């Protein structure tokens, strides 16, 4: 099951304390202060990755911390810095702090600092002065506190495949990209969004089947409607073998409008899927009724090529 919302706590590493120490040996019984400074605490970073399931790592573990800096050592040795912590988060994640600050991960490989490590303390060697040759004190490292983060995933894809359950969205995704989404001849085969990348490097997102009432929480749609918001265009799939294709189309359009006016005005390509189930005359009638751009079948490679070309051309026109 896809996790697309979670709250976690993070903590940067504490700075190591400085050391009070005096050097002495048989030749230098009063060698003087030589306590080293503490090491800096580790930082907490995030790194954007393409795997949408990376929030799964927070299903049980909720607290994550970088390593503390080590205490200073004798002979003016500075303590070792704490190791940084890098949390891999899915592309499209919105990171919200409890003070309202937000960070959005919009590019694969994007790295952001989430929490800065504590500065190391000062040892008595660094605290000596002309008026205090033998300091007996040190400065502790800066201690860091836990911070609460809310992580919300909104998929980033140029194209969102939408439609009622079992209209062939996953099959089209598999044909146009290298994705391997699960397909079967029953409703709600897809239980979470799937991503795929076309040969022209466009990202397609197969959104689980919407149903009437999805915007009010029915079915799977309400959980995933937010993932359509960032797409540039919608690829609205209507099955040719439906009892009432127009009613199917209008159902989805109504749910988009109920959820968000932004979604309702997003550019849309309407296609008729499963074209091998109808005669050319029947397809022509459905296509005219829905003002569809194409009729497509996964067993018709020419129609798939036309669809790929249409998507590429439409995206290019959006970016001009």
C-alpha atoms as a PDB file:
ATOM      1  CA  UNK A   1       0.000   0.000   0.000  1.00  0.00           C
ATOM      2  CA  UNK A   2       1.334   3.405  -0.998  1.00  0.00           C
ATOM      3  CA  UNK A   3       2.052   5.752   1.896  1.00  0.00           C
ATOM      4  CA  UNK A   4       1.742   9.356   0.716  1.00  0.00           C
ATOM      5  CA  UNK A   5       1.370  11.200   4.027  1.00  0.00           C
ATOM      6  CA  UNK A   6       3.417  10.759   7.173  1.00  0.00           C
ATOM      7  CA  UNK A   7       4.726  12.739  10.149  1.00  0.00           C
ATOM      8  CA  UNK A   8       8.230  12.107  11.462  1.00  0.00           C
ATOM      9  CA  UNK A   9      10.744  13.685  13.823  1.00  0.00           C
ATOM     10  CA  UNK A  10      14.333  14.487  12.935  1.00  0.00           C
ATOM     11  CA  UNK A  11      17.285  15.700  14.952  1.00  0.00           C
ATOM     12  CA  UNK A  12      20.666  17.001  13.854  1.00  0.00           C
ATOM     13  CA  UNK A  13      23.673  15.778  15.809  1.00  0.00           C
ATOM     14  CA  UNK A  14      24.756  17.573  18.981  1.00  0.00           C
ATOM     15  CA  UNK A  15      28.115  19.278  18.971  1.00  0.00           C
ATOM     16  CA  UNK A  16      30.762  17.479  21.015  1.00  0.00           C
ATOM     17  CA  UNK A  17      31.982  19.117  24.233  1.00  0.00           C
ATOM     18  CA  UNK A  18      35.392  20.679  24.528  1.00  0.00           C
ATOM     19  CA  UNK A  19      37.900  19.011  26.860  1.00  0.00           C
ATOM     20  CA  UNK A  20      39.738  20.290  29.913  1.00  0.00           C
ATOM     21  CA  UNK A  21      43.133  18.607  29.948  1.00  0.00           C
ATOM     22  CA  UNK A  22      46.700  19.518  30.897  1.00  0.00           C
ATOM     23  CA  UNK A  23      49.742  18.005  29.296  1.00  0.00           C
ATOM     24  CA  UNK A  24      52.420  16.650  31.602  1.00  0.00           C
ATOM     25  CA  UNK A  25      55.307  14.223  31.303  1.00  0.00           C
ATOM     26  CA  UNK A  26      58.623  13.675  33.055  1.00  0.00           C
ATOM     27  CA  UNK A  27      60.323  16.322  30.967  1.00  0.00           C
ATOM     28  CA  UNK A  28      57.464  18.818  31.008  1.00  0.00           C
ATOM     29  CA  UNK A  29      55.654  18.462  34.330  1.00  0.00           C
ATOM     30  CA  UNK A  30      53.790  21.705  33.636  1.00  0.00           C
ATOM     31  CA  UNK A  31      53.116  21.379  29.942  1.00  0.00           C
ATOM     32  CA  UNK A  32      50.002  23.487  30.019  1.00  0.00           C
ATOM     33  CA  UNK A  33      46.446  23.128  28.707  1.00  0.00           C
ATOM     34  CA  UNK A  34      45.965  20.898  25.673  1.00  0.00           C
ATOM     35  CA  UNK A  35      42.247  20.002  25.728  1.00  0.00           C
ATOM     36  CA  UNK A  36      40.841  19.857  22.202  1.00  0.00           C
ATOM     37  CA  UNK A  37      37.606  21.263  20.744  1.00  0.00           C
ATOM     38  CA  UNK A  38      34.540  19.115  20.236  1.00  0.00           C
ATOM     39  CA  UNK A  39      33.493  17.904  16.788  1.00  0.00           C
ATOM     40  CA  UNK A  40      30.472  19.328  14.967  1.00  0.00           C
ATOM     41  CA  UNK A  41      27.207  17.370  14.972  1.00  0.00           C
ATOM     42  CA  UNK A  42      26.026  15.691  11.769  1.00  0.00           C
ATOM     43  CA  UNK A  43      23.554  17.400   9.456  1.00  0.00           C
ATOM     44  CA  UNK A  44      20.233  15.970   8.272  1.00  0.00           C
ATOM     45  CA  UNK A  45      19.650  16.143   4.519  1.00  0.00           C
ATOM     46  CA  UNK A  46      16.984  14.911   2.133  1.00  0.00           C
ATOM     47  CA  UNK A  47      17.612  13.543  -1.361  1.00  0.00           C
ATOM     48  CA  UNK A  48      14.897  13.314  -4.030  1.00  0.00           C
ATOM     49  CA  UNK A  49      14.641   9.892  -5.693  1.00  0.00           C
ATOM     50  CA  UNK A  50      12.190   8.590  -8.353  1.00  0.00           C
ATOM     51  CA  UNK A  51      10.857   5.657  -6.282  1.00  0.00           C
ATOM     52  CA  UNK A  52       7.370   6.678  -5.099  1.00  0.00           C
ATOM     53  CA  UNK A  53       7.372   3.991  -2.395  1.00  0.00           C
ATOM     54  CA  UNK A  54      10.216   5.529  -0.346  1.00  0.00           C
ATOM     55  CA  UNK A  55       7.812   6.899   2.286  1.00  0.00           C
ATOM     56  CA  UNK A  56       7.263   3.236   3.208  1.00  0.00           C
ATOM     57  CA  UNK A  57      10.409   3.474   5.352  1.00  0.00           C
ATOM     58  CA  UNK A  58       8.467   5.683   7.782  1.00  0.00           C
ATOM     59  CA  UNK A  59       5.628   3.233   8.295  1.00  0.00           C
ATOM     60  CA  UNK A  60       6.982   2.109  11.667  1.00  0.00           C
ATOM     61  CA  UNK A  61      10.139   4.129  12.408  1.00  0.00           C
ATOM     62  CA  UNK A  62       9.247   7.747  13.180  1.00  0.00           C
ATOM     63  CA  UNK A  63      12.413   9.281  14.671  1.00  0.00           C
ATOM     64  CA  UNK A  64      15.682   9.829  12.808  1.00  0.00           C
ATOM     65  CA  UNK A  65      18.841  11.545  14.006  1.00  0.00           C
ATOM     66  CA  UNK A  66      22.293  12.353  12.681  1.00  0.00           C
ATOM     67  CA  UNK A  67      25.362  11.348  14.667  1.00  0.00           C
ATOM     68  CA  UNK A  68      26.630  13.534  17.515  1.00  0.00           C
ATOM     69  CA  UNK A  69      30.049  15.137  17.332  1.00  0.00           C
ATOM     70  CA  UNK A  70      32.663  13.552  19.592  1.00  0.00           C
ATOM     71  CA  UNK A  71      34.241  15.192  22.609  1.00  0.00           C
ATOM     72  CA  UNK A  72      37.602  16.870  22.176  1.00  0.00           C
ATOM     73  CA  UNK A  73      40.712  14.886  23.053  1.00  0.00           C
ATOM     74  CA  UNK A  74      44.049  15.587  24.730  1.00  0.00           C
ATOM     75  CA  UNK A  75      47.041  16.894  22.813  1.00  0.00           C
ATOM     76  CA  UNK A  76      44.780  19.504  21.155  1.00  0.00           C
ATOM     77  CA  UNK A  77      42.882  16.845  19.202  1.00  0.00           C
ATOM     78  CA  UNK A  78      39.524  17.980  17.849  1.00  0.00           C
ATOM     79  CA  UNK A  79      36.715  15.484  18.276  1.00  0.00           C
ATOM     80  CA  UNK A  80      35.415  13.702  15.202  1.00  0.00           C
ATOM     81  CA  UNK A  81      32.479  15.320  13.420  1.00  0.00           C
ATOM     82  CA  UNK A  82      29.184  13.435  13.525  1.00  0.00           C
ATOM     83  CA  UNK A  83      28.132  11.531  10.416  1.00  0.00           C
ATOM     84  CA  UNK A  84      25.441  13.202   8.316  1.00  0.00           C
ATOM     85  CA  UNK A  85      22.051  11.548   7.820  1.00  0.00           C
ATOM     86  CA  UNK A  86      20.514  11.521   4.328  1.00  0.00           C
ATOM     87  CA  UNK A  87      16.814  10.663   4.046  1.00  0.00           C
ATOM     88  CA  UNK A  88      15.754   9.566   0.559  1.00  0.00           C
ATOM     89  CA  UNK A  89      12.292  10.917  -0.256  1.00  0.00           C
ATOM     90  CA  UNK A  90      10.180  10.479  -3.396  1.00  0.00           C
ATOM     91  CA  UNK A  91      10.199  13.102  -6.097  1.00  0.00           C
ATOM     92  CA  UNK A  92       7.173  15.324  -5.482  1.00  0.00           C
ATOM     93  CA  UNK A  93       7.351  15.263  -1.685  1.00  0.00           C
ATOM     94  CA  UNK A  94       6.359  18.436   0.145  1.00  0.00           C
ATOM     95  CA  UNK A  95       8.217  18.777   3.464  1.00  0.00           C
ATOM     96  CA  UNK A  96       6.444  20.960   6.022  1.00  0.00           C
ATOM     97  CA  UNK A  97       7.974  22.134   9.308  1.00  0.00           C
ATOM     98  CA  UNK A  98       5.787  22.863  12.313  1.00  0.00           C
ATOM     99  CA  UNK A  99       6.575  26.597  11.907  1.00  0.00           C
ATOM    100  CA  UNK A 100       4.996  26.670   8.440  1.00  0.00           C
ATOM    101  CA  UNK A 101       8.199  26.530   6.373  1.00  0.00           C
ATOM    102  CA  UNK A 102       8.008  24.199   3.355  1.00  0.00           C
ATOM    103  CA  UNK A 103      10.471  22.539   0.989  1.00  0.00           C
ATOM    104  CA  UNK A 104       9.342  20.901  -2.275  1.00  0.00           C
ATOM    105  CA  UNK A 105      11.335  18.199  -4.047  1.00  0.00           C
ATOM    106  CA  UNK A 106      10.848  18.929  -7.745  1.00  0.00           C
ATOM    107  CA  UNK A 107      13.954  17.397  -9.359  1.00  0.00           C
ATOM    108  CA  UNK A 108      15.520  13.959  -9.098  1.00  0.00           C
ATOM    109  CA  UNK A 109      18.791  14.273  -7.182  1.00  0.00           C
ATOM    110  CA  UNK A 110      17.713  17.477  -5.418  1.00  0.00           C
ATOM    111  CA  UNK A 111      19.432  17.653  -2.025  1.00  0.00           C
ATOM    112  CA  UNK A 112      18.209  19.905   0.771  1.00  0.00           C
ATOM    113  CA  UNK A 113      19.435  20.615   4.294  1.00  0.00           C
ATOM    114  CA  UNK A 114      16.687  19.771   6.793  1.00  0.00           C
ATOM    115  CA  UNK A 115      18.515  20.307  10.091  1.00  0.00           C
ATOM    116  CA  UNK A 116      21.943  21.814  10.774  1.00  0.00           C
ATOM    117  CA  UNK A 117      24.289  20.039  13.165  1.00  0.00           C
ATOM    118  CA  UNK A 118      25.376  21.594  16.450  1.00  0.00           C
ATOM    119  CA  UNK A 119      28.689  23.431  16.582  1.00  0.00           C
ATOM    120  CA  UNK A 120      31.421  21.685  18.548  1.00  0.00           C
ATOM    121  CA  UNK A 121      32.427  23.088  21.934  1.00  0.00           C
ATOM    122  CA  UNK A 122      35.755  24.644  22.876  1.00  0.00           C
ATOM    123  CA  UNK A 123      38.531  22.927  24.838  1.00  0.00           C
ATOM    124  CA  UNK A 124      40.751  24.628  27.371  1.00  0.00           C
ATOM    125  CA  UNK A 125      43.653  24.867  24.905  1.00  0.00           C
ATOM    126  CA  UNK A 126      41.593  27.287  22.754  1.00  0.00           C
ATOM    127  CA  UNK A 127      40.479  29.214  25.843  1.00  0.00           C
ATOM    128  CA  UNK A 128      43.940  30.158  27.092  1.00  0.00           C
ATOM    129  CA  UNK A 129      44.855  33.851  27.017  1.00  0.00           C
ATOM    130  CA  UNK A 130      47.512  36.247  28.246  1.00  0.00           C
ATOM    131  CA  UNK A 131      45.554  36.688  31.458  1.00  0.00           C
ATOM    132  CA  UNK A 132      44.555  33.046  31.864  1.00  0.00           C
ATOM    133  CA  UNK A 133      47.371  30.652  31.023  1.00  0.00           C
ATOM    134  CA  UNK A 134      45.771  27.639  32.698  1.00  0.00           C
ATOM    135  CA  UNK A 135      42.026  27.727  31.973  1.00  0.00           C
ATOM    136  CA  UNK A 136      40.059  25.148  33.933  1.00  0.00           C
ATOM    137  CA  UNK A 137      36.900  25.456  31.922  1.00  0.00           C
ATOM    138  CA  UNK A 138      35.539  24.383  28.537  1.00  0.00           C
ATOM    139  CA  UNK A 139      32.527  25.228  26.397  1.00  0.00           C
ATOM    140  CA  UNK A 140      29.993  22.506  25.709  1.00  0.00           C
ATOM    141  CA  UNK A 141      28.879  21.679  22.204  1.00  0.00           C
ATOM    142  CA  UNK A 142      25.621  23.118  20.919  1.00  0.00           C
ATOM    143  CA  UNK A 143      22.761  20.742  21.645  1.00  0.00           C
ATOM    144  CA  UNK A 144      20.033  20.284  19.030  1.00  0.00           C
ATOM    145  CA  UNK A 145      16.349  19.566  19.527  1.00  0.00           C
ATOM    146  CA  UNK A 146      13.909  17.286  17.737  1.00  0.00           C
ATOM    147  CA  UNK A 147      11.942  18.847  14.903  1.00  0.00           C
ATOM    148  CA  UNK A 148       8.616  17.618  13.542  1.00  0.00           C
ATOM    149  CA  UNK A 149       8.177  17.251   9.780  1.00  0.00           C
ATOM    150  CA  UNK A 150       5.063  16.442   7.801  1.00  0.00           C
ATOM    151  CA  UNK A 151       5.773  14.691   4.498  1.00  0.00           C
ATOM    152  CA  UNK A 152       3.135  14.751   1.773  1.00  0.00           C
ATOM    153  CA  UNK A 153       3.672  13.124  -1.607  1.00  0.00           C
ATOM    154  CA  UNK A 154       2.193  14.719  -4.709  1.00  0.00           C
ATOM    155  CA  UNK A 155       3.397  12.885  -7.769  1.00  0.00           C
ATOM    156  CA  UNK A 156       5.165  14.928 -10.407  1.00  0.00           C
ATOM    157  CA  UNK A 157       4.263  13.749 -13.902  1.00  0.00           C
ATOM    158  CA  UNK A 158       3.546  15.531 -17.146  1.00  0.00           C
ATOM    159  CA  UNK A 159       0.604  13.263 -17.956  1.00  0.00           C
ATOM    160  CA  UNK A 160      -2.038  11.834 -15.622  1.00  0.00           C
ATOM    161  CA  UNK A 161      -4.052   8.839 -16.870  1.00  0.00           C
ATOM    162  CA  UNK A 162      -7.581   9.045 -15.506  1.00  0.00           C
ATOM    163  CA  UNK A 163     -10.848   7.189 -15.997  1.00  0.00           C
ATOM    164  CA  UNK A 164     -13.206   4.734 -14.378  1.00  0.00           C
ATOM    165  CA  UNK A 165     -11.824   1.394 -13.131  1.00  0.00           C
ATOM    166  CA  UNK A 166     -10.903  -1.202 -15.746  1.00  0.00           C
ATOM    167  CA  UNK A 167     -10.718   1.111 -18.760  1.00  0.00           C
ATOM    168  CA  UNK A 168      -7.167   0.044 -19.664  1.00  0.00           C
ATOM    169  CA  UNK A 169      -5.051   2.814 -18.117  1.00  0.00           C
ATOM    170  CA  UNK A 170      -2.422   0.443 -16.698  1.00  0.00           C
ATOM    171  CA  UNK A 171      -2.168  -1.439 -19.996  1.00  0.00           C
ATOM    172  CA  UNK A 172      -1.580   1.813 -21.884  1.00  0.00           C
ATOM    173  CA  UNK A 173       1.054   2.868 -19.333  1.00  0.00           C
ATOM    174  CA  UNK A 174       2.849  -0.456 -19.793  1.00  0.00           C
ATOM    175  CA  UNK A 175       2.774  -0.119 -23.588  1.00  0.00           C
ATOM    176  CA  UNK A 176       3.970   3.494 -23.753  1.00  0.00           C
ATOM    177  CA  UNK A 177       6.655   3.153 -21.071  1.00  0.00           C
ATOM    178  CA  UNK A 178       8.873   0.576 -19.403  1.00  0.00           C
ATOM    179  CA  UNK A 179       6.484   0.320 -16.456  1.00  0.00           C
ATOM    180  CA  UNK A 180       5.120  -3.052 -15.368  1.00  0.00           C
ATOM    181  CA  UNK A 181       1.864  -2.083 -13.698  1.00  0.00           C
ATOM    182  CA  UNK A 182      -0.424  -4.926 -12.687  1.00  0.00           C
ATOM    183  CA  UNK A 183      -3.306  -5.553 -15.093  1.00  0.00           C
ATOM    184  CA  UNK A 184      -6.353  -7.824 -14.854  1.00  0.00           C
ATOM    185  CA  UNK A 185      -9.915  -7.941 -16.137  1.00  0.00           C
ATOM    186  CA  UNK A 186     -11.631  -6.612 -13.024  1.00  0.00           C
ATOM    187  CA  UNK A 187     -12.140  -3.264 -11.317  1.00  0.00           C
ATOM    188  CA  UNK A 188      -9.575  -1.715  -8.964  1.00  0.00           C
ATOM    189  CA  UNK A 189      -6.669  -3.818 -10.192  1.00  0.00           C
ATOM    190  CA  UNK A 190      -4.484  -0.756  -9.562  1.00  0.00           C
ATOM    191  CA  UNK A 191      -4.422   0.079  -5.858  1.00  0.00           C
ATOM    192  CA  UNK A 192      -1.748   2.785  -5.972  1.00  0.00           C
ATOM    193  CA  UNK A 193      -0.339   5.166  -8.596  1.00  0.00           C
ATOM    194  CA  UNK A 194       2.212   3.851 -11.070  1.00  0.00           C
ATOM    195  CA  UNK A 195       4.811   5.912 -12.910  1.00  0.00           C
ATOM    196  CA  UNK A 196       6.427   5.270 -16.270  1.00  0.00           C
ATOM    197  CA  UNK A 197       8.807   7.165 -18.560  1.00  0.00           C
ATOM    198  CA  UNK A 198       8.280   7.299 -22.332  1.00  0.00           C
ATOM    199  CA  UNK A 199      11.081   7.146 -24.914  1.00  0.00           C
ATOM    200  CA  UNK A 200      10.846  10.932 -25.152  1.00  0.00           C
ATOM    201  CA  UNK A 201      11.435  11.184 -21.375  1.00  0.00           C
ATOM    202  CA  UNK A 202       7.899  12.165 -20.432  1.00  0.00           C
ATOM    203  CA  UNK A 203       6.633  10.917 -17.069  1.00  0.00           C
ATOM    204  CA  UNK A 204       3.185   9.310 -17.086  1.00  0.00           C
ATOM    205  CA  UNK A 205       1.193   8.571 -13.929  1.00  0.00           C
ATOM    206  CA  UNK A 206      -1.530   5.930 -13.864  1.00  0.00           C
ATOM    207  CA  UNK A 207      -4.006   7.132 -11.231  1.00  0.00           C
ATOM    208  CA  UNK A 208      -6.148   4.395  -9.600  1.00  0.00           C
ATOM    209  CA  UNK A 209      -9.694   4.218 -10.908  1.00  0.00           C
ATOM    210  CA  UNK A 210     -12.026   6.984  -9.870  1.00  0.00           C
ATOM    211  CA  UNK A 211     -15.704   6.375  -9.259  1.00  0.00           C
ATOM    212  CA  UNK A 212     -18.744   8.511  -8.643  1.00  0.00           C
ATOM    213  CA  UNK A 213     -18.317  10.128  -5.234  1.00  0.00           C
ATOM    214  CA  UNK A 214     -14.511   9.897  -5.277  1.00  0.00           C
ATOM    215  CA  UNK A 215     -14.164  13.565  -4.305  1.00  0.00           C
ATOM    216  CA  UNK A 216     -16.220  12.791  -1.192  1.00  0.00           C
ATOM    217  CA  UNK A 217     -14.069   9.840  -0.151  1.00  0.00           C
ATOM    218  CA  UNK A 218     -15.642   6.928  -1.992  1.00  0.00           C
ATOM    219  CA  UNK A 219     -13.474   4.256  -3.606  1.00  0.00           C
ATOM    220  CA  UNK A 220      -9.765   4.897  -4.086  1.00  0.00           C
ATOM    221  CA  UNK A 221     -10.020   8.217  -5.877  1.00  0.00           C
ATOM    222  CA  UNK A 222     -10.132  10.670  -2.987  1.00  0.00           C
ATOM    223  CA  UNK A 223      -6.767   9.397  -1.763  1.00  0.00           C
ATOM    224  CA  UNK A 224      -5.115   9.951  -5.147  1.00  0.00           C
ATOM    225  CA  UNK A 225      -6.910  12.940  -6.675  1.00  0.00           C
ATOM    226  CA  UNK A 226      -4.204  15.204  -5.252  1.00  0.00           C
ATOM    227  CA  UNK A 227      -1.633  13.399  -7.405  1.00  0.00           C
ATOM    228  CA  UNK A 228      -3.310  14.676 -10.590  1.00  0.00           C
ATOM    229  CA  UNK A 229      -2.902  18.321  -9.576  1.00  0.00           C
ATOM    230  CA  UNK A 230       0.714  18.600 -10.695  1.00  0.00           C
ATOM    231  CA  UNK A 231       0.278  17.034 -14.125  1.00  0.00           C
ATOM    232  CA  UNK A 232       0.397  19.255 -17.191  1.00  0.00           C
ATOM    233  CA  UNK A 233      -2.321  17.374 -19.061  1.00  0.00           C
ATOM    234  CA  UNK A 234      -4.884  14.667 -18.378  1.00  0.00           C
ATOM    235  CA  UNK A 235      -5.258  11.593 -20.580  1.00  0.00           C
ATOM    236  CA  UNK A 236      -8.908  10.684 -20.057  1.00  0.00           C
ATOM    237  CA  UNK A 237      -9.528   7.053 -20.960  1.00  0.00           C
ATOM    238  CA  UNK A 238     -13.055   5.887 -21.807  1.00  0.00           C
ATOM    239  CA  UNK A 239     -13.640   2.212 -22.619  1.00  0.00           C
ATOM    240  CA  UNK A 240     -15.316   1.425 -25.930  1.00  0.00           C
ATOM    241  CA  UNK A 241     -17.076  -1.590 -24.418  1.00  0.00           C
ATOM    242  CA  UNK A 242     -18.880   0.522 -21.810  1.00  0.00           C
ATOM    243  CA  UNK A 243     -22.666   0.465 -21.699  1.00  0.00           C
ATOM    244  CA  UNK A 244     -22.695   4.288 -21.690  1.00  0.00           C
ATOM    245  CA  UNK A 245     -19.344   5.924 -22.574  1.00  0.00           C
ATOM    246  CA  UNK A 246     -20.725   9.460 -22.271  1.00  0.00           C
ATOM    247  CA  UNK A 247     -22.013   8.804 -18.749  1.00  0.00           C
ATOM    248  CA  UNK A 248     -18.600   7.376 -17.817  1.00  0.00           C
ATOM    249  CA  UNK A 249     -16.884  10.484 -19.134  1.00  0.00           C
ATOM    250  CA  UNK A 250     -19.256  12.851 -17.361  1.00  0.00           C
ATOM    251  CA  UNK A 251     -18.849  10.981 -14.072  1.00  0.00           C
ATOM    252  CA  UNK A 252     -15.111  11.585 -14.030  1.00  0.00           C
ATOM    253  CA  UNK A 253     -15.456  15.196 -15.147  1.00  0.00           C
ATOM    254  CA  UNK A 254     -17.908  15.857 -12.323  1.00  0.00           C
ATOM    255  CA  UNK A 255     -15.535  14.384  -9.728  1.00  0.00           C
ATOM    256  CA  UNK A 256     -12.647  16.509 -10.999  1.00  0.00           C
ATOM    257  CA  UNK A 257     -14.825  19.610 -10.788  1.00  0.00           C
ATOM    258  CA  UNK A 258     -16.050  18.717  -7.288  1.00  0.00           C
ATOM    259  CA  UNK A 259     -12.492  18.209  -6.052  1.00  0.00           C
ATOM    260  CA  UNK A 260     -10.778  21.255  -7.543  1.00  0.00           C
ATOM    261  CA  UNK A 261     -11.525  23.989 -10.063  1.00  0.00           C
ATOM    262  CA  UNK A 262      -7.851  23.756 -11.016  1.00  0.00           C
ATOM    263  CA  UNK A 263      -8.332  20.139 -12.059  1.00  0.00           C
ATOM    264  CA  UNK A 264     -11.527  20.962 -13.917  1.00  0.00           C
ATOM    265  CA  UNK A 265      -9.684  23.421 -16.195  1.00  0.00           C
ATOM    266  CA  UNK A 266      -6.557  21.329 -16.780  1.00  0.00           C
ATOM    267  CA  UNK A 267      -5.891  20.474 -20.485  1.00  0.00           C
ATOM    268  CA  UNK A 268      -7.345  17.095 -21.402  1.00  0.00           C
ATOM    269  CA  UNK A 269      -6.939  14.512 -24.148  1.00  0.00           C
ATOM    270  CA  UNK A 270      -9.894  12.153 -24.469  1.00  0.00           C
ATOM    271  CA  UNK A 271      -9.195   8.732 -25.977  1.00  0.00           C
ATOM    272  CA  UNK A 272     -11.353   5.673 -26.562  1.00  0.00           C
ATOM    273  CA  UNK A 273      -9.670   2.498 -25.277  1.00  0.00           C
ATOM    274  CA  UNK A 274     -10.337  -1.160 -26.094  1.00  0.00           C
ATOM    275  CA  UNK A 275     -11.149  -0.228 -29.668  1.00  0.00           C
ATOM    276  CA  UNK A 276     -10.844  -3.881 -30.715  1.00  0.00           C
ATOM    277  CA  UNK A 277     -14.163  -4.586 -28.961  1.00  0.00           C
ATOM    278  CA  UNK A 278     -16.270  -2.488 -31.370  1.00  0.00           C
ATOM    279  CA  UNK A 279     -16.835  -2.120 -35.100  1.00  0.00           C
ATOM    280  CA  UNK A 280     -15.410   0.900 -36.941  1.00  0.00           C
ATOM    281  CA  UNK A 281     -18.919   2.336 -37.264  1.00  0.00           C
ATOM    282  CA  UNK A 282     -19.564   2.033 -33.523  1.00  0.00           C
ATOM    283  CA  UNK A 283     -16.179   3.582 -32.714  1.00  0.00           C
ATOM    284  CA  UNK A 284     -16.833   6.524 -35.040  1.00  0.00           C
ATOM    285  CA  UNK A 285     -20.109   7.225 -33.243  1.00  0.00           C
ATOM    286  CA  UNK A 286     -18.502   7.102 -29.764  1.00  0.00           C
ATOM    287  CA  UNK A 287     -15.558   9.214 -30.899  1.00  0.00           C
ATOM    288  CA  UNK A 288     -17.846  11.916 -32.295  1.00  0.00           C
ATOM    289  CA  UNK A 289     -20.034  11.879 -29.183  1.00  0.00           C
ATOM    290  CA  UNK A 290     -17.082  12.387 -26.814  1.00  0.00           C
ATOM    291  CA  UNK A 291     -15.037  14.560 -29.192  1.00  0.00           C
ATOM    292  CA  UNK A 292     -12.208  12.099 -28.583  1.00  0.00           C
ATOM    293  CA  UNK A 293      -8.828  12.567 -30.238  1.00  0.00           C
ATOM    294  CA  UNK A 294      -8.036   8.881 -30.819  1.00  0.00           C
ATOM    295  CA  UNK A 295      -9.311   5.347 -30.597  1.00  0.00           C
ATOM    296  CA  UNK A 296      -6.663   3.038 -29.143  1.00  0.00           C
ATOM    297  CA  UNK A 297      -6.066  -0.649 -28.571  1.00  0.00           C
ATOM    298  CA  UNK A 298      -3.025  -2.239 -26.943  1.00  0.00           C
ATOM    299  CA  UNK A 299      -2.991  -4.822 -29.757  1.00  0.00           C
ATOM    300  CA  UNK A 300      -2.803  -2.059 -32.377  1.00  0.00           C
ATOM    301  CA  UNK A 301       0.735  -0.697 -32.410  1.00  0.00           C
ATOM    302  CA  UNK A 302      -0.127   2.015 -34.919  1.00  0.00           C
ATOM    303  CA  UNK A 303      -2.742   3.480 -32.565  1.00  0.00           C
ATOM    304  CA  UNK A 304      -0.240   3.394 -29.687  1.00  0.00           C
ATOM    305  CA  UNK A 305       2.341   5.229 -31.788  1.00  0.00           C
ATOM    306  CA  UNK A 306      -0.251   7.855 -32.690  1.00  0.00           C
ATOM    307  CA  UNK A 307      -1.085   8.237 -29.000  1.00  0.00           C
ATOM    308  CA  UNK A 308       2.565   8.643 -28.040  1.00  0.00           C
ATOM    309  CA  UNK A 309       3.035  11.277 -30.767  1.00  0.00           C
ATOM    310  CA  UNK A 310      -0.107  13.113 -29.657  1.00  0.00           C
ATOM    311  CA  UNK A 311       1.035  13.224 -26.028  1.00  0.00           C
ATOM    312  CA  UNK A 312       4.499  14.479 -26.985  1.00  0.00           C
ATOM    313  CA  UNK A 313       3.064  17.166 -29.282  1.00  0.00           C
ATOM    314  CA  UNK A 314       0.543  18.337 -26.674  1.00  0.00           C
ATOM    315  CA  UNK A 315       3.171  18.612 -23.937  1.00  0.00           C
ATOM    316  CA  UNK A 316       5.465  20.538 -26.259  1.00  0.00           C
ATOM    317  CA  UNK A 317       2.669  23.016 -27.021  1.00  0.00           C
ATOM    318  CA  UNK A 318       2.080  23.503 -23.267  1.00  0.00           C
ATOM    319  CA  UNK A 319       5.729  24.413 -22.720  1.00  0.00           C
ATOM    320  CA  UNK A 320       5.910  27.055 -25.436  1.00  0.00           C
END
